[in-house]
């Protein structure tokens, strides 16, 4: 099984939307993070994130906690 990667489309737009609309003091929940692409993008801008992956094969294979 291969960990999914998302397309690079719209990543800068998502980051800019968050910066413009979500206060940095808010915590963000990334549901179904896969490899954590969006978490990485937002953390680099100072956001605090939690993530939850429900697809059990990913949890086990990639030792996600």
PDB file of N, CA and C in Angstrom:
ATOM      1  N   UNK A   1       0.846  -1.170   0.000  1.00  0.00           N
ATOM      2  CA  UNK A   1       0.000   0.000   0.000  1.00  0.00           C
ATOM      3  C   UNK A   1       0.889   1.229   0.000  1.00  0.00           C
ATOM      4  N   UNK A   2       0.510   2.219  -0.760  1.00  0.00           N
ATOM      5  CA  UNK A   2       1.271   3.457  -0.872  1.00  0.00           C
ATOM      6  C   UNK A   2       0.498   4.566  -0.164  1.00  0.00           C
ATOM      7  N   UNK A   3       1.211   5.356   0.621  1.00  0.00           N
ATOM      8  CA  UNK A   3       0.586   6.485   1.299  1.00  0.00           C
ATOM      9  C   UNK A   3       0.174   7.494   0.235  1.00  0.00           C
ATOM     10  N   UNK A   4      -1.048   8.022   0.315  1.00  0.00           N
ATOM     11  CA  UNK A   4      -1.510   8.941  -0.722  1.00  0.00           C
ATOM     12  C   UNK A   4      -0.810  10.289  -0.665  1.00  0.00           C
ATOM     13  N   UNK A   5      -0.604  10.836  -1.802  1.00  0.00           N
ATOM     14  CA  UNK A   5      -0.069  12.187  -1.914  1.00  0.00           C
ATOM     15  C   UNK A   5      -1.117  13.009  -2.631  1.00  0.00           C
ATOM     16  N   UNK A   6      -1.275  14.239  -2.227  1.00  0.00           N
ATOM     17  CA  UNK A   6      -2.263  15.073  -2.879  1.00  0.00           C
ATOM     18  C   UNK A   6      -1.586  15.882  -3.978  1.00  0.00           C
ATOM     19  N   UNK A   7      -2.399  16.340  -4.912  1.00  0.00           N
ATOM     20  CA  UNK A   7      -1.891  17.177  -5.978  1.00  0.00           C
ATOM     21  C   UNK A   7      -1.394  18.499  -5.415  1.00  0.00           C
ATOM     22  N   UNK A   8      -0.518  19.145  -6.122  1.00  0.00           N
ATOM     23  CA  UNK A   8       0.019  20.425  -5.667  1.00  0.00           C
ATOM     24  C   UNK A   8      -0.919  21.585  -5.977  1.00  0.00           C
ATOM     25  N   UNK A   9      -1.986  21.319  -6.734  1.00  0.00           N
ATOM     26  CA  UNK A   9      -2.924  22.379  -7.096  1.00  0.00           C
ATOM     27  C   UNK A   9      -3.507  23.049  -5.858  1.00  0.00           C
ATOM     28  N   UNK A  10      -3.564  24.348  -5.890  1.00  0.00           N
ATOM     29  CA  UNK A  10      -4.249  25.189  -4.906  1.00  0.00           C
ATOM     30  C   UNK A  10      -3.633  25.207  -3.506  1.00  0.00           C
ATOM     31  N   UNK A  11      -2.492  24.620  -3.296  1.00  0.00           N
ATOM     32  CA  UNK A  11      -1.859  24.661  -1.968  1.00  0.00           C
ATOM     33  C   UNK A  11      -1.569  26.102  -1.538  1.00  0.00           C
ATOM     34  N   UNK A  12      -0.977  26.931  -2.398  1.00  0.00           N
ATOM     35  CA  UNK A  12      -0.735  28.327  -1.990  1.00  0.00           C
ATOM     36  C   UNK A  12      -2.035  29.071  -1.686  1.00  0.00           C
ATOM     37  N   UNK A  13      -3.086  28.780  -2.446  1.00  0.00           N
ATOM     38  CA  UNK A  13      -4.366  29.447  -2.214  1.00  0.00           C
ATOM     39  C   UNK A  13      -4.978  29.036  -0.874  1.00  0.00           C
ATOM     40  N   UNK A  14      -4.847  27.761  -0.519  1.00  0.00           N
ATOM     41  CA  UNK A  14      -5.358  27.282   0.768  1.00  0.00           C
ATOM     42  C   UNK A  14      -4.603  27.980   1.903  1.00  0.00           C
ATOM     43  N   UNK A  15      -3.293  28.039   1.784  1.00  0.00           N
ATOM     44  CA  UNK A  15      -2.482  28.693   2.809  1.00  0.00           C
ATOM     45  C   UNK A  15      -2.880  30.156   2.953  1.00  0.00           C
ATOM     46  N   UNK A  16      -3.013  30.871   1.858  1.00  0.00           N
ATOM     47  CA  UNK A  16      -3.391  32.284   1.902  1.00  0.00           C
ATOM     48  C   UNK A  16      -4.787  32.474   2.469  1.00  0.00           C
ATOM     49  N   UNK A  17      -5.717  31.565   2.153  1.00  0.00           N
ATOM     50  CA  UNK A  17      -7.067  31.655   2.706  1.00  0.00           C
ATOM     51  C   UNK A  17      -7.021  31.544   4.224  1.00  0.00           C
ATOM     52  N   UNK A  18      -6.264  30.568   4.730  1.00  0.00           N
ATOM     53  CA  UNK A  18      -6.143  30.412   6.180  1.00  0.00           C
ATOM     54  C   UNK A  18      -5.545  31.670   6.812  1.00  0.00           C
ATOM     55  N   UNK A  19      -4.484  32.168   6.262  1.00  0.00           N
ATOM     56  CA  UNK A  19      -3.830  33.349   6.815  1.00  0.00           C
ATOM     57  C   UNK A  19      -4.798  34.533   6.845  1.00  0.00           C
ATOM     58  N   UNK A  20      -5.625  34.666   5.820  1.00  0.00           N
ATOM     59  CA  UNK A  20      -6.560  35.786   5.737  1.00  0.00           C
ATOM     60  C   UNK A  20      -7.809  35.609   6.590  1.00  0.00           C
ATOM     61  N   UNK A  21      -8.198  34.364   6.900  1.00  0.00           N
ATOM     62  CA  UNK A  21      -9.502  34.116   7.511  1.00  0.00           C
ATOM     63  C   UNK A  21      -9.498  33.406   8.863  1.00  0.00           C
ATOM     64  N   UNK A  22      -8.392  32.797   9.232  1.00  0.00           N
ATOM     65  CA  UNK A  22      -8.361  32.025  10.476  1.00  0.00           C
ATOM     66  C   UNK A  22      -7.274  32.591  11.388  1.00  0.00           C
ATOM     67  N   UNK A  23      -7.675  33.098  12.562  1.00  0.00           N
ATOM     68  CA  UNK A  23      -6.666  33.639  13.481  1.00  0.00           C
ATOM     69  C   UNK A  23      -5.621  32.580  13.852  1.00  0.00           C
ATOM     70  N   UNK A  24      -4.378  33.007  13.951  1.00  0.00           N
ATOM     71  CA  UNK A  24      -3.263  32.113  14.272  1.00  0.00           C
ATOM     72  C   UNK A  24      -3.436  31.473  15.647  1.00  0.00           C
ATOM     73  N   UNK A  25      -4.247  32.081  16.505  1.00  0.00           N
ATOM     74  CA  UNK A  25      -4.469  31.544  17.852  1.00  0.00           C
ATOM     75  C   UNK A  25      -5.413  30.339  17.853  1.00  0.00           C
ATOM     76  N   UNK A  26      -6.109  30.095  16.755  1.00  0.00           N
ATOM     77  CA  UNK A  26      -7.016  28.948  16.673  1.00  0.00           C
ATOM     78  C   UNK A  26      -6.225  27.666  16.450  1.00  0.00           C
ATOM     79  N   UNK A  27      -6.733  26.573  17.003  1.00  0.00           N
ATOM     80  CA  UNK A  27      -6.167  25.254  16.689  1.00  0.00           C
ATOM     81  C   UNK A  27      -6.956  24.703  15.508  1.00  0.00           C
ATOM     82  N   UNK A  28      -6.283  24.003  14.632  1.00  0.00           N
ATOM     83  CA  UNK A  28      -6.896  23.454  13.424  1.00  0.00           C
ATOM     84  C   UNK A  28      -6.889  21.943  13.513  1.00  0.00           C
ATOM     85  N   UNK A  29      -8.006  21.316  13.129  1.00  0.00           N
ATOM     86  CA  UNK A  29      -8.085  19.862  13.085  1.00  0.00           C
ATOM     87  C   UNK A  29      -8.031  19.415  11.634  1.00  0.00           C
ATOM     88  N   UNK A  30      -7.028  18.624  11.306  1.00  0.00           N
ATOM     89  CA  UNK A  30      -6.860  18.060   9.962  1.00  0.00           C
ATOM     90  C   UNK A  30      -7.436  16.652   9.995  1.00  0.00           C
ATOM     91  N   UNK A  31      -8.583  16.459   9.352  1.00  0.00           N
ATOM     92  CA  UNK A  31      -9.248  15.154   9.338  1.00  0.00           C
ATOM     93  C   UNK A  31      -8.832  14.413   8.072  1.00  0.00           C
ATOM     94  N   UNK A  32      -8.284  13.206   8.253  1.00  0.00           N
ATOM     95  CA  UNK A  32      -7.800  12.425   7.121  1.00  0.00           C
ATOM     96  C   UNK A  32      -6.534  13.021   6.540  1.00  0.00           C
ATOM     97  N   UNK A  33      -5.503  13.234   7.361  1.00  0.00           N
ATOM     98  CA  UNK A  33      -4.322  13.963   6.908  1.00  0.00           C
ATOM     99  C   UNK A  33      -3.420  13.221   5.922  1.00  0.00           C
ATOM    100  N   UNK A  34      -3.601  11.898   5.790  1.00  0.00           N
ATOM    101  CA  UNK A  34      -2.679  11.165   4.914  1.00  0.00           C
ATOM    102  C   UNK A  34      -1.259  11.383   5.391  1.00  0.00           C
ATOM    103  N   UNK A  35      -0.409  11.951   4.548  1.00  0.00           N
ATOM    104  CA  UNK A  35       0.979  12.195   4.942  1.00  0.00           C
ATOM    105  C   UNK A  35       1.174  13.543   5.623  1.00  0.00           C
ATOM    106  N   UNK A  36       0.110  14.324   5.757  1.00  0.00           N
ATOM    107  CA  UNK A  36       0.196  15.588   6.479  1.00  0.00           C
ATOM    108  C   UNK A  36       0.551  16.797   5.643  1.00  0.00           C
ATOM    109  N   UNK A  37       0.211  16.772   4.383  1.00  0.00           N
ATOM    110  CA  UNK A  37       0.550  17.885   3.486  1.00  0.00           C
ATOM    111  C   UNK A  37       0.021  19.215   3.997  1.00  0.00           C
ATOM    112  N   UNK A  38      -1.257  19.268   4.315  1.00  0.00           N
ATOM    113  CA  UNK A  38      -1.840  20.534   4.768  1.00  0.00           C
ATOM    114  C   UNK A  38      -1.344  20.905   6.158  1.00  0.00           C
ATOM    115  N   UNK A  39      -1.138  19.924   7.003  1.00  0.00           N
ATOM    116  CA  UNK A  39      -0.577  20.208   8.323  1.00  0.00           C
ATOM    117  C   UNK A  39       0.793  20.858   8.182  1.00  0.00           C
ATOM    118  N   UNK A  40       1.618  20.338   7.301  1.00  0.00           N
ATOM    119  CA  UNK A  40       2.952  20.916   7.080  1.00  0.00           C
ATOM    120  C   UNK A  40       2.855  22.356   6.572  1.00  0.00           C
ATOM    121  N   UNK A  41       1.949  22.578   5.626  1.00  0.00           N
ATOM    122  CA  UNK A  41       1.785  23.920   5.057  1.00  0.00           C
ATOM    123  C   UNK A  41       1.377  24.913   6.143  1.00  0.00           C
ATOM    124  N   UNK A  42       0.413  24.527   6.966  1.00  0.00           N
ATOM    125  CA  UNK A  42      -0.108  25.462   7.968  1.00  0.00           C
ATOM    126  C   UNK A  42       0.833  25.611   9.161  1.00  0.00           C
ATOM    127  N   UNK A  43       1.490  24.540   9.562  1.00  0.00           N
ATOM    128  CA  UNK A  43       2.453  24.642  10.669  1.00  0.00           C
ATOM    129  C   UNK A  43       3.573  25.612  10.328  1.00  0.00           C
ATOM    130  N   UNK A  44       4.002  25.590   9.085  1.00  0.00           N
ATOM    131  CA  UNK A  44       5.088  26.489   8.681  1.00  0.00           C
ATOM    132  C   UNK A  44       4.679  27.957   8.768  1.00  0.00           C
ATOM    133  N   UNK A  45       3.378  28.209   8.854  1.00  0.00           N
ATOM    134  CA  UNK A  45       2.869  29.578   9.014  1.00  0.00           C
ATOM    135  C   UNK A  45       2.532  29.891  10.461  1.00  0.00           C
ATOM    136  N   UNK A  46       2.798  28.951  11.371  1.00  0.00           N
ATOM    137  CA  UNK A  46       2.600  29.204  12.786  1.00  0.00           C
ATOM    138  C   UNK A  46       1.332  28.640  13.399  1.00  0.00           C
ATOM    139  N   UNK A  47       0.510  27.955  12.604  1.00  0.00           N
ATOM    140  CA  UNK A  47      -0.718  27.364  13.152  1.00  0.00           C
ATOM    141  C   UNK A  47      -0.396  26.131  13.977  1.00  0.00           C
ATOM    142  N   UNK A  48      -1.205  25.893  14.982  1.00  0.00           N
ATOM    143  CA  UNK A  48      -1.110  24.677  15.800  1.00  0.00           C
ATOM    144  C   UNK A  48      -2.181  23.727  15.293  1.00  0.00           C
ATOM    145  N   UNK A  49      -1.794  22.490  15.018  1.00  0.00           N
ATOM    146  CA  UNK A  49      -2.719  21.529  14.429  1.00  0.00           C
ATOM    147  C   UNK A  49      -2.762  20.224  15.190  1.00  0.00           C
ATOM    148  N   UNK A  50      -3.924  19.601  15.114  1.00  0.00           N
ATOM    149  CA  UNK A  50      -4.103  18.218  15.514  1.00  0.00           C
ATOM    150  C   UNK A  50      -4.610  17.509  14.266  1.00  0.00           C
ATOM    151  N   UNK A  51      -4.390  16.219  14.201  1.00  0.00           N
ATOM    152  CA  UNK A  51      -4.855  15.464  13.044  1.00  0.00           C
ATOM    153  C   UNK A  51      -5.433  14.132  13.496  1.00  0.00           C
ATOM    154  N   UNK A  52      -6.387  13.654  12.720  1.00  0.00           N
ATOM    155  CA  UNK A  52      -6.959  12.348  12.999  1.00  0.00           C
ATOM    156  C   UNK A  52      -7.085  11.580  11.686  1.00  0.00           C
ATOM    157  N   UNK A  53      -6.484  10.410  11.686  1.00  0.00           N
ATOM    158  CA  UNK A  53      -6.555   9.518  10.522  1.00  0.00           C
ATOM    159  C   UNK A  53      -7.405   8.328  10.933  1.00  0.00           C
ATOM    160  N   UNK A  54      -8.461   8.032  10.194  1.00  0.00           N
ATOM    161  CA  UNK A  54      -9.337   6.930  10.562  1.00  0.00           C
ATOM    162  C   UNK A  54      -9.135   5.691   9.701  1.00  0.00           C
ATOM    163  N   UNK A  55      -8.326   5.804   8.646  1.00  0.00           N
ATOM    164  CA  UNK A  55      -8.100   4.659   7.775  1.00  0.00           C
ATOM    165  C   UNK A  55      -7.073   3.748   8.439  1.00  0.00           C
ATOM    166  N   UNK A  56      -7.569   2.696   9.059  1.00  0.00           N
ATOM    167  CA  UNK A  56      -6.743   1.839   9.909  1.00  0.00           C
ATOM    168  C   UNK A  56      -5.463   1.318   9.240  1.00  0.00           C
ATOM    169  N   UNK A  57      -5.492   0.919   7.972  1.00  0.00           N
ATOM    170  CA  UNK A  57      -4.235   0.466   7.369  1.00  0.00           C
ATOM    171  C   UNK A  57      -3.121   1.510   7.413  1.00  0.00           C
ATOM    172  N   UNK A  58      -3.456   2.795   7.260  1.00  0.00           N
ATOM    173  CA  UNK A  58      -2.436   3.843   7.343  1.00  0.00           C
ATOM    174  C   UNK A  58      -1.936   3.982   8.769  1.00  0.00           C
ATOM    175  N   UNK A  59      -2.848   3.904   9.716  1.00  0.00           N
ATOM    176  CA  UNK A  59      -2.482   4.037  11.124  1.00  0.00           C
ATOM    177  C   UNK A  59      -1.466   2.967  11.500  1.00  0.00           C
ATOM    178  N   UNK A  60      -1.738   1.746  11.109  1.00  0.00           N
ATOM    179  CA  UNK A  60      -0.854   0.636  11.458  1.00  0.00           C
ATOM    180  C   UNK A  60       0.447   0.670  10.653  1.00  0.00           C
ATOM    181  N   UNK A  61       0.325   0.774   9.332  1.00  0.00           N
ATOM    182  CA  UNK A  61       1.514   0.686   8.474  1.00  0.00           C
ATOM    183  C   UNK A  61       2.498   1.824   8.725  1.00  0.00           C
ATOM    184  N   UNK A  62       1.997   3.020   8.946  1.00  0.00           N
ATOM    185  CA  UNK A  62       2.869   4.185   9.104  1.00  0.00           C
ATOM    186  C   UNK A  62       3.022   4.612  10.558  1.00  0.00           C
ATOM    187  N   UNK A  63       2.566   3.765  11.467  1.00  0.00           N
ATOM    188  CA  UNK A  63       2.722   3.994  12.912  1.00  0.00           C
ATOM    189  C   UNK A  63       2.268   5.410  13.304  1.00  0.00           C
ATOM    190  N   UNK A  64       1.071   5.782  12.828  1.00  0.00           N
ATOM    191  CA  UNK A  64       0.525   7.099  13.140  1.00  0.00           C
ATOM    192  C   UNK A  64      -0.074   7.075  14.536  1.00  0.00           C
ATOM    193  N   UNK A  65       0.098   8.172  15.249  1.00  0.00           N
ATOM    194  CA  UNK A  65      -0.435   8.283  16.600  1.00  0.00           C
ATOM    195  C   UNK A  65      -1.272   9.517  16.727  1.00  0.00           C
TER     196      UNK A  65
END
